[in-house]
C-alpha cells in the first residue's frame, strides 16, 4: 500500500483536492478533523490543554478562539500546544494507515496541512503539494469570514513557505486556473502512482514499513 502525503499552504486549494481524491474512491485521513476530535467534547487533549492554558476550556470543550488568541503571537505557547497535539495527531494517522492496510487498500492519502513542519512526510512514500500564485492565494484567504491581513501574515509565518514546499514535493498540483485542470492533474498523478512509474522517497522509515507490514512500493518518478 502506498501512503501519499497531501499538503499546501493556506488558501492553496487543498480542500478541493481532498474532495476530488475522495470522489476517486481514495481513503483520506484528515489531520484537521483529528485535531477537532482531540479538542472537542471528550477529546483526548482537552484535559492537558486545560492545564497548560487557563481559561480556554468551557464545559469540556476547547474554545478555539480563546486558544488561538493565546498562541497566535506567542511562539512559546504555540510550541507548547504543538507538543500536546502533534504526537496525538501522528498516532491517529498511524492508526488510519493500519486500518487501511487491513482493508487491502492500494493507495491512501494523509491530508496534513503542516506536513513538513511536523515531519509527517516520514510516514509517506510520496508527497503532493497543491499550489497557486500568491495573488490568488491572498484573494482566497482574505475572503474568508473573520480573516485579516495581519492574521494571514501570522499564519504564513508559521508555515514552511510555498517555494520550499514545491521544492520538497514529489508532485506539485497547480490549483490557480480551474477545478477541471486541478482534477486532470490529480488524476494523472494517481494513475502514475498506481502504475508504479515512480521512485519511492528515501525518507520513509523502515521501522514504519515493518510495523505496518506494507508491501514494497513500485517505482515513482519524482517531481522536478
Protein backbone atom coordinates (compact mmCIF):
# COMPACT_ATOMS: atom_id res chain seq x y z
CA UNK A 1 0.00 0.00 0.00
CA UNK A 2 1.22 3.48 -0.87
CA UNK A 3 0.88 6.29 1.65
CA UNK A 4 0.67 9.70 -0.02
CA UNK A 5 1.01 12.97 1.88
CA UNK A 6 -1.09 15.92 0.72
CA UNK A 7 -0.21 19.40 1.87
CA UNK A 8 -0.16 23.04 0.84
CA UNK A 9 -0.13 26.47 2.39
CA UNK A 10 -3.33 28.22 3.45
CA UNK A 11 -5.56 29.19 0.55
CA UNK A 12 -3.88 26.90 -1.97
CA UNK A 13 -6.92 24.71 -2.70
CA UNK A 14 -6.17 21.67 -0.58
CA UNK A 15 -9.79 21.16 0.48
CA UNK A 16 -10.87 20.97 -3.15
CA UNK A 17 -8.10 18.49 -3.89
CA UNK A 18 -9.22 16.31 -0.97
CA UNK A 19 -12.79 16.29 -2.28
CA UNK A 20 -11.55 15.20 -5.70
CA UNK A 21 -9.42 12.40 -4.25
CA UNK A 22 -12.33 11.12 -2.21
CA UNK A 23 -14.55 11.10 -5.28
CA UNK A 24 -11.91 8.86 -6.88
CA UNK A 25 -12.56 6.43 -4.02
CA UNK A 26 -9.24 7.07 -2.25
CA UNK A 27 -9.36 6.97 1.58
CA UNK A 28 -8.17 10.29 3.06
CA UNK A 29 -7.09 10.91 6.64
CA UNK A 30 -7.93 14.49 7.68
CA UNK A 31 -5.44 15.82 10.26
CA UNK A 32 -7.59 18.89 10.97
CA UNK A 33 -10.58 16.65 11.74
CA UNK A 34 -8.34 14.66 14.09
CA UNK A 35 -7.47 17.90 15.91
CA UNK A 36 -11.17 18.81 16.19
CA UNK A 37 -11.83 15.43 17.78
CA UNK A 38 -8.96 15.91 20.22
CA UNK A 39 -10.18 19.29 21.46
CA UNK A 40 -13.93 18.61 21.29
CA UNK A 41 -16.19 17.08 23.92
CA UNK A 42 -14.45 14.06 25.38
CA UNK A 43 -11.35 14.74 23.29
CA UNK A 44 -8.07 13.19 24.33
CA UNK A 45 -6.22 16.54 24.50
CA UNK A 46 -8.81 18.62 26.39
CA UNK A 47 -7.54 17.91 29.90
CA UNK A 48 -3.90 18.62 29.07
CA UNK A 49 -4.78 21.81 27.19
CA UNK A 50 -6.88 22.97 30.15
CA UNK A 51 -3.85 22.58 32.42
CA UNK A 52 -1.49 24.30 30.01
CA UNK A 53 -3.75 27.22 29.01
CA UNK A 54 -6.05 28.61 31.65
CA UNK A 55 -9.50 29.76 30.61
CA UNK A 56 -9.64 28.11 27.18
CA UNK A 57 -11.84 25.15 28.10
CA UNK A 58 -15.55 25.66 28.62
CA UNK A 59 -17.86 22.76 29.56
CA UNK A 60 -15.30 20.20 28.50
CA UNK A 61 -14.66 21.72 25.09
CA UNK A 62 -11.69 23.83 23.98
CA UNK A 63 -12.73 27.30 22.85
CA UNK A 64 -10.72 27.60 19.66
CA UNK A 65 -10.86 31.40 19.59
CA UNK A 66 -9.56 31.76 23.13
CA UNK A 67 -6.84 29.23 22.48
CA UNK A 68 -5.93 30.95 19.22
CA UNK A 69 -5.66 34.30 20.97
CA UNK A 70 -3.17 32.79 23.42
CA UNK A 71 -0.88 31.16 20.86
CA UNK A 72 -1.21 33.41 17.80
CA UNK A 73 1.60 35.83 18.72
CA UNK A 74 3.41 33.68 21.28
CA UNK A 75 5.87 31.18 19.75
CA UNK A 76 6.48 29.53 23.14
CA UNK A 77 2.76 28.99 23.70
CA UNK A 78 2.38 27.67 20.16
CA UNK A 79 5.22 25.22 20.74
CA UNK A 80 3.55 24.06 23.96
CA UNK A 81 0.28 23.44 22.13
CA UNK A 82 2.04 21.60 19.31
CA UNK A 83 3.78 19.35 21.84
CA UNK A 84 0.34 18.35 23.10
CA UNK A 85 -1.40 17.91 19.76
CA UNK A 86 1.14 16.69 17.24
CA UNK A 87 2.04 13.32 18.84
CA UNK A 88 -1.67 12.52 19.14
CA UNK A 89 -2.34 13.50 15.55
CA UNK A 90 0.54 11.31 14.37
CA UNK A 91 -0.90 8.36 16.31
CA UNK A 92 -4.26 8.94 14.65
CA UNK A 93 -2.55 8.90 11.24
CA UNK A 94 -0.74 5.65 12.02
CA UNK A 95 -3.98 4.06 13.22
CA UNK A 96 -5.64 5.13 9.97
CA UNK A 97 -2.83 3.55 7.94
CA UNK A 98 -3.11 0.28 9.86
CA UNK A 99 -6.86 0.14 9.24
CA UNK A 100 -6.39 0.70 5.52
CA UNK A 101 -3.68 -1.99 5.34
CA UNK A 102 -6.13 -4.47 6.85
CA UNK A 103 -8.68 -3.43 4.21
CA UNK A 104 -6.10 -4.11 1.47
CA UNK A 105 -6.15 -0.61 0.02
CA UNK A 106 -3.60 0.09 -2.68
CA UNK A 107 -3.36 3.84 -2.02
CA UNK A 108 -4.28 6.20 0.83
CA UNK A 109 -3.77 9.91 1.44
CA UNK A 110 -2.75 11.75 4.60
CA UNK A 111 -4.18 15.29 4.43
CA UNK A 112 -1.81 17.18 6.75
CA UNK A 113 -1.59 21.00 6.45
CA UNK A 114 1.65 21.10 8.47
CA UNK A 115 3.17 18.01 6.89
CA UNK A 116 6.73 19.30 6.53
CA UNK A 117 6.56 21.38 9.71
CA UNK A 118 5.80 18.29 11.80
CA UNK A 119 7.94 15.73 9.99
CA UNK A 120 4.84 13.95 8.70
CA UNK A 121 6.49 13.27 5.35
CA UNK A 122 8.43 10.45 7.07
CA UNK A 123 5.21 8.43 7.05
CA UNK A 124 4.76 8.91 3.32
CA UNK A 125 6.01 7.26 0.15
CA UNK A 126 5.38 10.44 -1.84
CA UNK A 127 4.13 13.98 -1.21
CA UNK A 128 1.70 16.03 -3.29
CA UNK A 129 1.80 19.80 -2.78
CA UNK A 130 -1.07 21.97 -4.02
CA UNK A 131 -0.04 25.45 -5.04
CA UNK A 132 -1.40 28.63 -6.61
CA UNK A 133 0.00 32.10 -7.41
CA UNK A 134 0.35 34.42 -4.37
CA UNK A 135 -2.31 36.84 -5.67
CA UNK A 136 -4.90 34.06 -5.93
CA UNK A 137 -3.89 32.67 -2.54
CA UNK A 138 -4.31 36.08 -0.93
CA UNK A 139 -7.72 36.65 -2.54
CA UNK A 140 -8.96 33.27 -1.35
CA UNK A 141 -7.75 33.70 2.22
CA UNK A 142 -8.88 37.29 2.76
CA UNK A 143 -12.36 36.41 1.51
CA UNK A 144 -12.83 34.08 4.49
CA UNK A 145 -15.03 35.36 7.34
CA UNK A 146 -13.01 36.91 10.15
CA UNK A 147 -9.73 36.82 8.26
CA UNK A 148 -7.46 39.88 8.31
CA UNK A 149 -4.21 40.72 6.58
CA UNK A 150 -2.44 40.55 9.95
CA UNK A 151 -3.84 37.12 10.73
CA UNK A 152 -2.96 35.90 7.25
CA UNK A 153 0.63 37.10 7.66
CA UNK A 154 0.83 35.38 11.04
CA UNK A 155 -0.36 32.08 9.59
CA UNK A 156 2.15 32.27 6.73
CA UNK A 157 5.00 32.98 9.13
CA UNK A 158 4.25 29.74 10.99
CA UNK A 159 4.27 27.62 7.83
CA UNK A 160 7.01 26.37 5.54
CA UNK A 161 6.96 28.65 2.50
CA UNK A 162 5.19 27.61 -0.68
CA UNK A 163 8.51 27.78 -2.51
CA UNK A 164 10.13 25.30 -0.13
CA UNK A 165 7.11 23.01 -0.21
CA UNK A 166 7.30 22.90 -4.00
CA UNK A 167 11.00 22.05 -3.85
CA UNK A 168 10.42 19.22 -1.38
CA UNK A 169 7.38 17.76 -3.14
CA UNK A 170 7.27 14.70 -5.35
CA UNK A 171 4.31 16.17 -7.24
CA UNK A 172 3.10 19.79 -7.46
CA UNK A 173 -0.55 20.25 -8.43
CA UNK A 174 -1.41 23.76 -9.63
CA UNK A 175 -4.83 24.98 -8.46
CA UNK A 176 -4.82 28.54 -9.75
CA UNK A 177 -6.51 28.03 -13.11
CA UNK A 178 -9.63 25.87 -12.84
CA UNK A 179 -11.00 22.95 -10.86
CA UNK A 180 -11.15 20.98 -14.08
CA UNK A 181 -7.42 21.35 -14.63
CA UNK A 182 -6.71 20.51 -10.98
CA UNK A 183 -8.78 17.33 -11.34
CA UNK A 184 -6.96 16.34 -14.52
CA UNK A 185 -3.58 16.86 -12.88
CA UNK A 186 -4.57 14.92 -9.74
CA UNK A 187 -5.97 12.09 -11.86
CA UNK A 188 -2.69 11.89 -13.77
CA UNK A 189 -0.71 11.75 -10.52
CA UNK A 190 -2.91 8.98 -9.12
CA UNK A 191 -2.53 6.96 -12.33
CA UNK A 192 1.24 7.36 -12.18
CA UNK A 193 1.33 6.23 -8.55
CA UNK A 194 -0.89 3.23 -9.17
CA UNK A 195 1.01 2.37 -12.30
CA UNK A 196 4.28 2.10 -10.39
CA UNK A 197 6.08 4.68 -12.56
CA UNK A 198 7.95 6.41 -9.71
CA UNK A 199 10.86 6.06 -7.26
CA UNK A 200 9.94 5.83 -3.54
CA UNK A 201 11.05 8.50 -1.10
CA UNK A 202 14.22 7.54 0.76
CA UNK A 203 12.96 9.25 3.93
CA UNK A 204 10.31 6.60 4.64
CA UNK A 205 11.26 4.86 7.88
CA UNK A 206 11.99 1.17 7.50
CA UNK A 207 10.62 0.57 11.00
CA UNK A 208 7.31 2.08 9.95
CA UNK A 209 7.24 -0.18 6.89
CA UNK A 210 7.84 -3.28 9.01
CA UNK A 211 5.36 -2.25 11.68
CA UNK A 212 2.60 -1.64 9.16
CA UNK A 213 3.54 -4.74 7.12
CA UNK A 214 3.36 -2.78 3.92
CA UNK A 215 4.18 -4.22 0.54
CA UNK A 216 7.22 -2.67 -1.18
CA UNK A 217 6.05 0.14 -3.48
CA UNK A 218 6.67 0.36 -7.16
CA UNK A 219 8.86 2.86 -8.94
CA UNK A 220 7.95 6.54 -8.77
CA UNK A 221 9.19 9.46 -10.86
CA UNK A 222 9.96 12.38 -8.56
CA UNK A 223 8.83 15.97 -9.24
CA UNK A 224 11.41 18.29 -10.77
